[in-house]
Amino acid sequence: SLRLSCAASGFTSGFTFWNYGMGWFRQAPGK
């Protein structure tokens, strides 16, 4: 098992992390 984290910062113009849909994507070698 592993646990990945993604820390978000730099929100402006009234936006916060709450306003964002988030996703995880991956890219394997050659794909």
Full PDB file with SEQRES, HELIX, SHEET, SSBOND, CRYST1, ORIGX, SCALE, CONECT and MASTER records, all heavy atoms in Angstrom:
SEQRES   1 A   31  SER LEU ARG LEU SER CYS ALA ALA SER GLY PHE THR SER          
SEQRES   2 A   31  GLY PHE THR PHE TRP ASN TYR GLY MET GLY TRP PHE ARG          
SEQRES   3 A   31  GLN ALA PRO GLY LYS                                          
HELIX    1 AA1 PHE A   17  ASN A   19  5                                   3    
CRYST1    1.000    1.000    1.000  90.00  90.00  90.00 P 1           1          
ORIGX1      1.000000  0.000000  0.000000        0.00000                         
ORIGX2      0.000000  1.000000  0.000000        0.00000                         
ORIGX3      0.000000  0.000000  1.000000        0.00000                         
SCALE1      1.000000  0.000000  0.000000        0.00000                         
SCALE2      0.000000  1.000000  0.000000        0.00000                         
SCALE3      0.000000  0.000000  1.000000        0.00000                         
ATOM      1  N   SER A   1       0.825  -1.199   0.000  1.00  0.00           N  
ATOM      2  CA  SER A   1       0.000   0.000   0.000  1.00  0.00           C  
ATOM      3  C   SER A   1       0.864   1.256   0.000  1.00  0.00           C  
ATOM      4  O   SER A   1       1.994   1.248   0.492  1.00  0.00           O  
ATOM      5  CB  SER A   1      -0.904   0.025   1.244  1.00  0.00           C  
ATOM      6  OG  SER A   1      -1.790  -1.066   1.261  1.00  0.00           O  
ATOM      7  N   LEU A   2       0.303   2.308  -0.553  1.00  0.00           N  
ATOM      8  CA  LEU A   2       0.889   3.643  -0.486  1.00  0.00           C  
ATOM      9  C   LEU A   2      -0.235   4.647  -0.347  1.00  0.00           C  
ATOM     10  O   LEU A   2      -1.351   4.404  -0.827  1.00  0.00           O  
ATOM     11  CB  LEU A   2       1.689   3.967  -1.745  1.00  0.00           C  
ATOM     12  CG  LEU A   2       3.091   3.381  -1.909  1.00  0.00           C  
ATOM     13  CD1 LEU A   2       3.638   3.740  -3.287  1.00  0.00           C  
ATOM     14  CD2 LEU A   2       4.023   3.854  -0.820  1.00  0.00           C  
ATOM     15  N   ARG A   3       0.081   5.780   0.258  1.00  0.00           N  
ATOM     16  CA  ARG A   3      -0.881   6.873   0.347  1.00  0.00           C  
ATOM     17  C   ARG A   3      -0.257   8.114  -0.266  1.00  0.00           C  
ATOM     18  O   ARG A   3       0.752   8.617   0.238  1.00  0.00           O  
ATOM     19  CB  ARG A   3      -1.266   7.161   1.796  1.00  0.00           C  
ATOM     20  CG  ARG A   3      -2.426   8.154   1.928  1.00  0.00           C  
ATOM     21  CD  ARG A   3      -2.553   8.649   3.344  1.00  0.00           C  
ATOM     22  NE  ARG A   3      -3.847   9.274   3.594  1.00  0.00           N  
ATOM     23  CZ  ARG A   3      -4.071  10.120   4.594  1.00  0.00           C  
ATOM     24  NH1 ARG A   3      -3.092  10.437   5.424  1.00  0.00           N  
ATOM     25  NH2 ARG A   3      -5.273  10.634   4.774  1.00  0.00           N  
ATOM     26  N   LEU A   4      -0.857   8.580  -1.332  1.00  0.00           N  
ATOM     27  CA  LEU A   4      -0.403   9.798  -1.975  1.00  0.00           C  
ATOM     28  C   LEU A   4      -1.147  11.003  -1.403  1.00  0.00           C  
ATOM     29  O   LEU A   4      -2.325  10.899  -1.065  1.00  0.00           O  
ATOM     30  CB  LEU A   4      -0.630   9.730  -3.484  1.00  0.00           C  
ATOM     31  CG  LEU A   4      -0.045   8.529  -4.218  1.00  0.00           C  
ATOM     32  CD1 LEU A   4      -0.287   8.675  -5.724  1.00  0.00           C  
ATOM     33  CD2 LEU A   4       1.422   8.346  -3.908  1.00  0.00           C  
ATOM     34  N   SER A   5      -0.451  12.113  -1.336  1.00  0.00           N  
ATOM     35  CA  SER A   5      -1.059  13.371  -0.907  1.00  0.00           C  
ATOM     36  C   SER A   5      -0.806  14.433  -1.964  1.00  0.00           C  
ATOM     37  O   SER A   5       0.183  14.376  -2.695  1.00  0.00           O  
ATOM     38  CB  SER A   5      -0.458  13.838   0.416  1.00  0.00           C  
ATOM     39  OG  SER A   5      -0.697  12.910   1.453  1.00  0.00           O  
ATOM     40  N   CYS A   6      -1.702  15.402  -2.013  1.00  0.00           N  
ATOM     41  CA  CYS A   6      -1.560  16.529  -2.927  1.00  0.00           C  
ATOM     42  C   CYS A   6      -1.941  17.785  -2.152  1.00  0.00           C  
ATOM     43  O   CYS A   6      -3.114  17.973  -1.812  1.00  0.00           O  
ATOM     44  CB  CYS A   6      -2.446  16.345  -4.144  1.00  0.00           C  
ATOM     45  SG  CYS A   6      -2.518  17.783  -5.247  1.00  0.00           S  
ATOM     46  N   ALA A   7      -0.951  18.618  -1.881  1.00  0.00           N  
ATOM     47  CA  ALA A   7      -1.180  19.859  -1.144  1.00  0.00           C  
ATOM     48  C   ALA A   7      -1.442  20.999  -2.121  1.00  0.00           C  
ATOM     49  O   ALA A   7      -0.651  21.214  -3.045  1.00  0.00           O  
ATOM     50  CB  ALA A   7       0.019  20.176  -0.267  1.00  0.00           C  
ATOM     51  N   ALA A   8      -2.530  21.708  -1.893  1.00  0.00           N  
ATOM     52  CA  ALA A   8      -2.930  22.789  -2.789  1.00  0.00           C  
ATOM     53  C   ALA A   8      -2.732  24.143  -2.119  1.00  0.00           C  
ATOM     54  O   ALA A   8      -2.979  24.300  -0.920  1.00  0.00           O  
ATOM     55  CB  ALA A   8      -4.387  22.612  -3.193  1.00  0.00           C  
ATOM     56  N   SER A   9      -2.309  25.122  -2.906  1.00  0.00           N  
ATOM     57  CA  SER A   9      -2.117  26.475  -2.389  1.00  0.00           C  
ATOM     58  C   SER A   9      -2.242  27.482  -3.528  1.00  0.00           C  
ATOM     59  O   SER A   9      -2.386  27.097  -4.684  1.00  0.00           O  
ATOM     60  CB  SER A   9      -0.737  26.606  -1.734  1.00  0.00           C  
ATOM     61  OG  SER A   9       0.289  26.397  -2.700  1.00  0.00           O  
ATOM     62  N   GLY A  10      -2.203  28.782  -3.161  1.00  0.00           N  
ATOM     63  CA  GLY A  10      -2.188  29.829  -4.171  1.00  0.00           C  
ATOM     64  C   GLY A  10      -3.534  30.247  -4.695  1.00  0.00           C  
ATOM     65  O   GLY A  10      -3.628  30.875  -5.744  1.00  0.00           O  
ATOM     66  N   PHE A  11      -4.593  29.954  -3.957  1.00  0.00           N  
ATOM     67  CA  PHE A  11      -5.920  30.316  -4.422  1.00  0.00           C  
ATOM     68  C   PHE A  11      -6.132  31.825  -4.315  1.00  0.00           C  
ATOM     69  O   PHE A  11      -5.730  32.441  -3.337  1.00  0.00           O  
ATOM     70  CB  PHE A  11      -6.995  29.586  -3.620  1.00  0.00           C  
ATOM     71  CG  PHE A  11      -6.894  28.108  -3.737  1.00  0.00           C  
ATOM     72  CD1 PHE A  11      -6.270  27.358  -2.754  1.00  0.00           C  
ATOM     73  CD2 PHE A  11      -7.395  27.461  -4.848  1.00  0.00           C  
ATOM     74  CE1 PHE A  11      -6.161  25.990  -2.871  1.00  0.00           C  
ATOM     75  CE2 PHE A  11      -7.289  26.088  -4.984  1.00  0.00           C  
ATOM     76  CZ  PHE A  11      -6.672  25.360  -3.982  1.00  0.00           C  
ATOM     77  N   THR A  12      -6.785  32.407  -5.318  1.00  0.00           N  
ATOM     78  CA  THR A  12      -7.041  33.841  -5.341  1.00  0.00           C  
ATOM     79  C   THR A  12      -8.437  34.118  -5.893  1.00  0.00           C  
ATOM     80  O   THR A  12      -9.158  33.191  -6.263  1.00  0.00           O  
ATOM     81  CB  THR A  12      -6.003  34.575  -6.211  1.00  0.00           C  
ATOM     82  OG1 THR A  12      -6.100  34.065  -7.550  1.00  0.00           O  
ATOM     83  CG2 THR A  12      -4.596  34.384  -5.691  1.00  0.00           C  
ATOM     84  N   SER A  13      -8.789  35.400  -5.923  1.00  0.00           N  
ATOM     85  CA  SER A  13     -10.046  35.843  -6.530  1.00  0.00           C  
ATOM     86  C   SER A  13     -11.257  35.193  -5.897  1.00  0.00           C  
ATOM     87  O   SER A  13     -12.238  34.882  -6.573  1.00  0.00           O  
ATOM     88  CB  SER A  13     -10.056  35.568  -8.045  1.00  0.00           C  
ATOM     89  OG  SER A  13      -8.965  36.199  -8.662  1.00  0.00           O  
ATOM     90  N   GLY A  14     -11.195  34.989  -4.577  1.00  0.00           N  
ATOM     91  CA  GLY A  14     -12.340  34.450  -3.883  1.00  0.00           C  
ATOM     92  C   GLY A  14     -12.478  32.948  -3.963  1.00  0.00           C  
ATOM     93  O   GLY A  14     -13.379  32.367  -3.361  1.00  0.00           O  
ATOM     94  N   PHE A  15     -11.629  32.278  -4.724  1.00  0.00           N  
ATOM     95  CA  PHE A  15     -11.683  30.826  -4.811  1.00  0.00           C  
ATOM     96  C   PHE A  15     -10.913  30.208  -3.653  1.00  0.00           C  
ATOM     97  O   PHE A  15      -9.912  30.738  -3.197  1.00  0.00           O  
ATOM     98  CB  PHE A  15     -11.069  30.345  -6.133  1.00  0.00           C  
ATOM     99  CG  PHE A  15     -11.990  30.475  -7.309  1.00  0.00           C  
ATOM    100  CD1 PHE A  15     -12.082  31.673  -8.000  1.00  0.00           C  
ATOM    101  CD2 PHE A  15     -12.773  29.419  -7.710  1.00  0.00           C  
ATOM    102  CE1 PHE A  15     -12.929  31.800  -9.077  1.00  0.00           C  
ATOM    103  CE2 PHE A  15     -13.617  29.537  -8.794  1.00  0.00           C  
ATOM    104  CZ  PHE A  15     -13.703  30.724  -9.478  1.00  0.00           C  
ATOM    105  N   THR A  16     -11.382  29.056  -3.223  1.00  0.00           N  
ATOM    106  CA  THR A  16     -10.664  28.264  -2.238  1.00  0.00           C  
ATOM    107  C   THR A  16     -10.645  26.821  -2.726  1.00  0.00           C  
ATOM    108  O   THR A  16     -11.265  26.485  -3.733  1.00  0.00           O  
ATOM    109  CB  THR A  16     -11.329  28.322  -0.855  1.00  0.00           C  
ATOM    110  OG1 THR A  16     -12.594  27.645  -0.925  1.00  0.00           O  
ATOM    111  CG2 THR A  16     -11.544  29.757  -0.406  1.00  0.00           C  
ATOM    112  N   PHE A  17      -9.977  25.981  -1.974  1.00  0.00           N  
ATOM    113  CA  PHE A  17      -9.910  24.563  -2.310  1.00  0.00           C  
ATOM    114  C   PHE A  17     -11.319  23.984  -2.388  1.00  0.00           C  
ATOM    115  O   PHE A  17     -11.580  23.074  -3.177  1.00  0.00           O  
ATOM    116  CB  PHE A  17      -9.062  23.853  -1.263  1.00  0.00           C  
ATOM    117  CG  PHE A  17      -8.748  22.421  -1.584  1.00  0.00           C  
ATOM    118  CD1 PHE A  17      -8.026  22.084  -2.708  1.00  0.00           C  
ATOM    119  CD2 PHE A  17      -9.164  21.406  -0.725  1.00  0.00           C  
ATOM    120  CE1 PHE A  17      -7.723  20.760  -2.988  1.00  0.00           C  
ATOM    121  CE2 PHE A  17      -8.870  20.080  -0.990  1.00  0.00           C  
ATOM    122  CZ  PHE A  17      -8.139  19.761  -2.121  1.00  0.00           C  
ATOM    123  N   TRP A  18     -12.221  24.535  -1.588  1.00  0.00           N  
ATOM    124  CA  TRP A  18     -13.598  24.068  -1.567  1.00  0.00           C  
ATOM    125  C   TRP A  18     -14.270  24.199  -2.935  1.00  0.00           C  
ATOM    126  O   TRP A  18     -15.213  23.482  -3.249  1.00  0.00           O  
ATOM    127  CB  TRP A  18     -14.417  24.897  -0.570  1.00  0.00           C  
ATOM    128  CG  TRP A  18     -14.077  24.705   0.857  1.00  0.00           C  
ATOM    129  CD1 TRP A  18     -13.015  25.191   1.543  1.00  0.00           C  
ATOM    130  CD2 TRP A  18     -14.865  24.000   1.831  1.00  0.00           C  
ATOM    131  NE1 TRP A  18     -13.065  24.823   2.869  1.00  0.00           N  
ATOM    132  CE2 TRP A  18     -14.193  24.102   3.073  1.00  0.00           C  
ATOM    133  CE3 TRP A  18     -16.063  23.287   1.770  1.00  0.00           C  
ATOM    134  CZ2 TRP A  18     -14.687  23.518   4.245  1.00  0.00           C  
ATOM    135  CZ3 TRP A  18     -16.564  22.715   2.932  1.00  0.00           C  
ATOM    136  CH2 TRP A  18     -15.870  22.832   4.149  1.00  0.00           C  
ATOM    137  N   ASN A  19     -13.816  25.137  -3.744  1.00  0.00           N  
ATOM    138  CA  ASN A  19     -14.451  25.412  -5.032  1.00  0.00           C  
ATOM    139  C   ASN A  19     -13.971  24.502  -6.164  1.00  0.00           C  
ATOM    140  O   ASN A  19     -14.439  24.624  -7.288  1.00  0.00           O  
ATOM    141  CB  ASN A  19     -14.183  26.854  -5.450  1.00  0.00           C  
ATOM    142  CG  ASN A  19     -14.689  27.853  -4.444  1.00  0.00           C  
ATOM    143  OD1 ASN A  19     -13.912  28.603  -3.867  1.00  0.00           O  
ATOM    144  ND2 ASN A  19     -16.002  27.863  -4.245  1.00  0.00           N  
ATOM    145  N   TYR A  20     -13.024  23.614  -5.853  1.00  0.00           N  
ATOM    146  CA  TYR A  20     -12.383  22.859  -6.913  1.00  0.00           C  
ATOM    147  C   TYR A  20     -12.748  21.372  -6.890  1.00  0.00           C  
ATOM    148  O   TYR A  20     -12.707  20.722  -5.846  1.00  0.00           O  
ATOM    149  CB  TYR A  20     -10.855  22.982  -6.804  1.00  0.00           C  
ATOM    150  CG  TYR A  20     -10.337  24.275  -7.374  1.00  0.00           C  
ATOM    151  CD1 TYR A  20     -10.515  25.467  -6.681  1.00  0.00           C  
ATOM    152  CD2 TYR A  20      -9.716  24.302  -8.613  1.00  0.00           C  
ATOM    153  CE1 TYR A  20     -10.064  26.655  -7.207  1.00  0.00           C  
ATOM    154  CE2 TYR A  20      -9.254  25.495  -9.143  1.00  0.00           C  
ATOM    155  CZ  TYR A  20      -9.433  26.666  -8.441  1.00  0.00           C  
ATOM    156  OH  TYR A  20      -8.992  27.837  -8.970  1.00  0.00           O  
ATOM    157  N   GLY A  21     -13.107  20.867  -8.079  1.00  0.00           N  
ATOM    158  CA  GLY A  21     -13.145  19.437  -8.271  1.00  0.00           C  
ATOM    159  C   GLY A  21     -11.714  18.958  -8.461  1.00  0.00           C  
ATOM    160  O   GLY A  21     -10.907  19.653  -9.079  1.00  0.00           O  
ATOM    161  N   MET A  22     -11.386  17.803  -7.895  1.00  0.00           N  
ATOM    162  CA  MET A  22     -10.013  17.305  -7.931  1.00  0.00           C  
ATOM    163  C   MET A  22      -9.958  15.901  -8.505  1.00  0.00           C  
ATOM    164  O   MET A  22     -10.937  15.133  -8.407  1.00  0.00           O  
ATOM    165  CB  MET A  22      -9.422  17.298  -6.525  1.00  0.00           C  
ATOM    166  CG  MET A  22      -9.380  18.658  -5.834  1.00  0.00           C  
ATOM    167  SD  MET A  22      -8.312  19.844  -6.660  1.00  0.00           S  
ATOM    168  CE  MET A  22      -6.707  19.051  -6.484  1.00  0.00           C  
ATOM    169  N   GLY A  23      -8.817  15.574  -9.071  1.00  0.00           N  
ATOM    170  CA  GLY A  23      -8.668  14.249  -9.639  1.00  0.00           C  
ATOM    171  C   GLY A  23      -7.241  13.748  -9.537  1.00  0.00           C  
ATOM    172  O   GLY A  23      -6.297  14.522  -9.341  1.00  0.00           O  
ATOM    173  N   TRP A  24      -7.112  12.446  -9.641  1.00  0.00           N  
ATOM    174  CA  TRP A  24      -5.810  11.781  -9.767  1.00  0.00           C  
ATOM    175  C   TRP A  24      -5.750  11.138 -11.152  1.00  0.00           C  
ATOM    176  O   TRP A  24      -6.703  10.469 -11.577  1.00  0.00           O  
ATOM    177  CB  TRP A  24      -5.623  10.709  -8.702  1.00  0.00           C  
ATOM    178  CG  TRP A  24      -5.360  11.232  -7.327  1.00  0.00           C  
ATOM    179  CD1 TRP A  24      -6.256  11.354  -6.316  1.00  0.00           C  
ATOM    180  CD2 TRP A  24      -4.111  11.689  -6.805  1.00  0.00           C  
ATOM    181  NE1 TRP A  24      -5.653  11.863  -5.198  1.00  0.00           N  
ATOM    182  CE2 TRP A  24      -4.329  12.076  -5.467  1.00  0.00           C  
ATOM    183  CE3 TRP A  24      -2.819  11.814  -7.337  1.00  0.00           C  
ATOM    184  CZ2 TRP A  24      -3.313  12.585  -4.648  1.00  0.00           C  
ATOM    185  CZ3 TRP A  24      -1.821  12.317  -6.533  1.00  0.00           C  
ATOM    186  CH2 TRP A  24      -2.061  12.704  -5.203  1.00  0.00           C  
ATOM    187  N   PHE A  25      -4.632  11.324 -11.799  1.00  0.00           N  
ATOM    188  CA  PHE A  25      -4.350  10.700 -13.085  1.00  0.00           C  
ATOM    189  C   PHE A  25      -2.975  10.055 -12.994  1.00  0.00           C  
ATOM    190  O   PHE A  25      -2.202  10.366 -12.099  1.00  0.00           O  
ATOM    191  CB  PHE A  25      -4.367  11.748 -14.209  1.00  0.00           C  
ATOM    192  CG  PHE A  25      -5.726  12.344 -14.445  1.00  0.00           C  
ATOM    193  CD1 PHE A  25      -6.225  13.347 -13.622  1.00  0.00           C  
ATOM    194  CD2 PHE A  25      -6.524  11.897 -15.497  1.00  0.00           C  
ATOM    195  CE1 PHE A  25      -7.492  13.893 -13.828  1.00  0.00           C  
ATOM    196  CE2 PHE A  25      -7.785  12.434 -15.715  1.00  0.00           C  
ATOM    197  CZ  PHE A  25      -8.252  13.426 -14.872  1.00  0.00           C  
ATOM    198  N   ARG A  26      -2.682   9.159 -13.915  1.00  0.00           N  
ATOM    199  CA  ARG A  26      -1.367   8.528 -13.906  1.00  0.00           C  
ATOM    200  C   ARG A  26      -0.879   8.303 -15.336  1.00  0.00           C  
ATOM    201  O   ARG A  26      -1.673   8.188 -16.269  1.00  0.00           O  
ATOM    202  CB  ARG A  26      -1.401   7.207 -13.151  1.00  0.00           C  
ATOM    203  CG  ARG A  26      -2.228   6.108 -13.815  1.00  0.00           C  
ATOM    204  CD  ARG A  26      -2.310   4.895 -12.887  1.00  0.00           C  
ATOM    205  NE  ARG A  26      -3.064   3.805 -13.508  1.00  0.00           N  
ATOM    206  CZ  ARG A  26      -3.374   2.680 -12.869  1.00  0.00           C  
ATOM    207  NH1 ARG A  26      -3.003   2.492 -11.607  1.00  0.00           N  
ATOM    208  NH2 ARG A  26      -4.064   1.731 -13.497  1.00  0.00           N  
ATOM    209  N   GLN A  27       0.431   8.236 -15.449  1.00  0.00           N  
ATOM    210  CA  GLN A  27       1.034   7.987 -16.751  1.00  0.00           C  
ATOM    211  C   GLN A  27       2.143   6.960 -16.589  1.00  0.00           C  
ATOM    212  O   GLN A  27       3.147   7.225 -15.922  1.00  0.00           O  
ATOM    213  CB  GLN A  27       1.580   9.266 -17.368  1.00  0.00           C  
ATOM    214  CG  GLN A  27       2.072   9.080 -18.785  1.00  0.00           C  
ATOM    215  CD  GLN A  27       2.322  10.400 -19.501  1.00  0.00           C  
ATOM    216  OE1 GLN A  27       2.486  11.440 -18.877  1.00  0.00           O  
ATOM    217  NE2 GLN A  27       2.328  10.357 -20.824  1.00  0.00           N  
ATOM    218  N   ALA A  28       1.931   5.814 -17.190  1.00  0.00           N  
ATOM    219  CA  ALA A  28       2.930   4.753 -17.176  1.00  0.00           C  
ATOM    220  C   ALA A  28       3.930   4.982 -18.307  1.00  0.00           C  
ATOM    221  O   ALA A  28       3.612   5.651 -19.294  1.00  0.00           O  
ATOM    222  CB  ALA A  28       2.259   3.400 -17.322  1.00  0.00           C  
ATOM    223  N   PRO A  29       5.116   4.427 -18.181  1.00  0.00           N  
ATOM    224  CA  PRO A  29       6.134   4.606 -19.241  1.00  0.00           C  
ATOM    225  C   PRO A  29       5.608   4.162 -20.598  1.00  0.00           C  
ATOM    226  O   PRO A  29       5.076   3.055 -20.738  1.00  0.00           O  
ATOM    227  CB  PRO A  29       7.284   3.720 -18.773  1.00  0.00           C  
ATOM    228  CG  PRO A  29       7.130   3.661 -17.289  1.00  0.00           C  
ATOM    229  CD  PRO A  29       5.647   3.670 -17.044  1.00  0.00           C  
ATOM    230  N   GLY A  30       5.729   5.046 -21.578  1.00  0.00           N  
ATOM    231  CA  GLY A  30       5.326   4.718 -22.927  1.00  0.00           C  
ATOM    232  C   GLY A  30       3.832   4.743 -23.182  1.00  0.00           C  
ATOM    233  O   GLY A  30       3.381   4.364 -24.270  1.00  0.00           O  
ATOM    234  N   LYS A  31       3.070   5.187 -22.197  1.00  0.00           N  
ATOM    235  CA  LYS A  31       1.612   5.205 -22.350  1.00  0.00           C  
ATOM    236  C   LYS A  31       1.073   6.614 -22.142  1.00  0.00           C  
ATOM    237  O   LYS A  31       1.746   7.490 -21.606  1.00  0.00           O  
ATOM    238  CB  LYS A  31       0.964   4.237 -21.362  1.00  0.00           C  
ATOM    239  CG  LYS A  31       1.315   2.790 -21.600  1.00  0.00           C  
ATOM    240  CD  LYS A  31       0.500   1.886 -20.704  1.00  0.00           C  
ATOM    241  CE  LYS A  31       0.772   0.413 -20.995  1.00  0.00           C  
ATOM    242  NZ  LYS A  31      -0.047  -0.485 -20.123  1.00  0.00           N  
TER     243      LYS A  31                                                      
MASTER        0    0    0    1    0    0    0    6  242    1    0    3          
END                                                                             
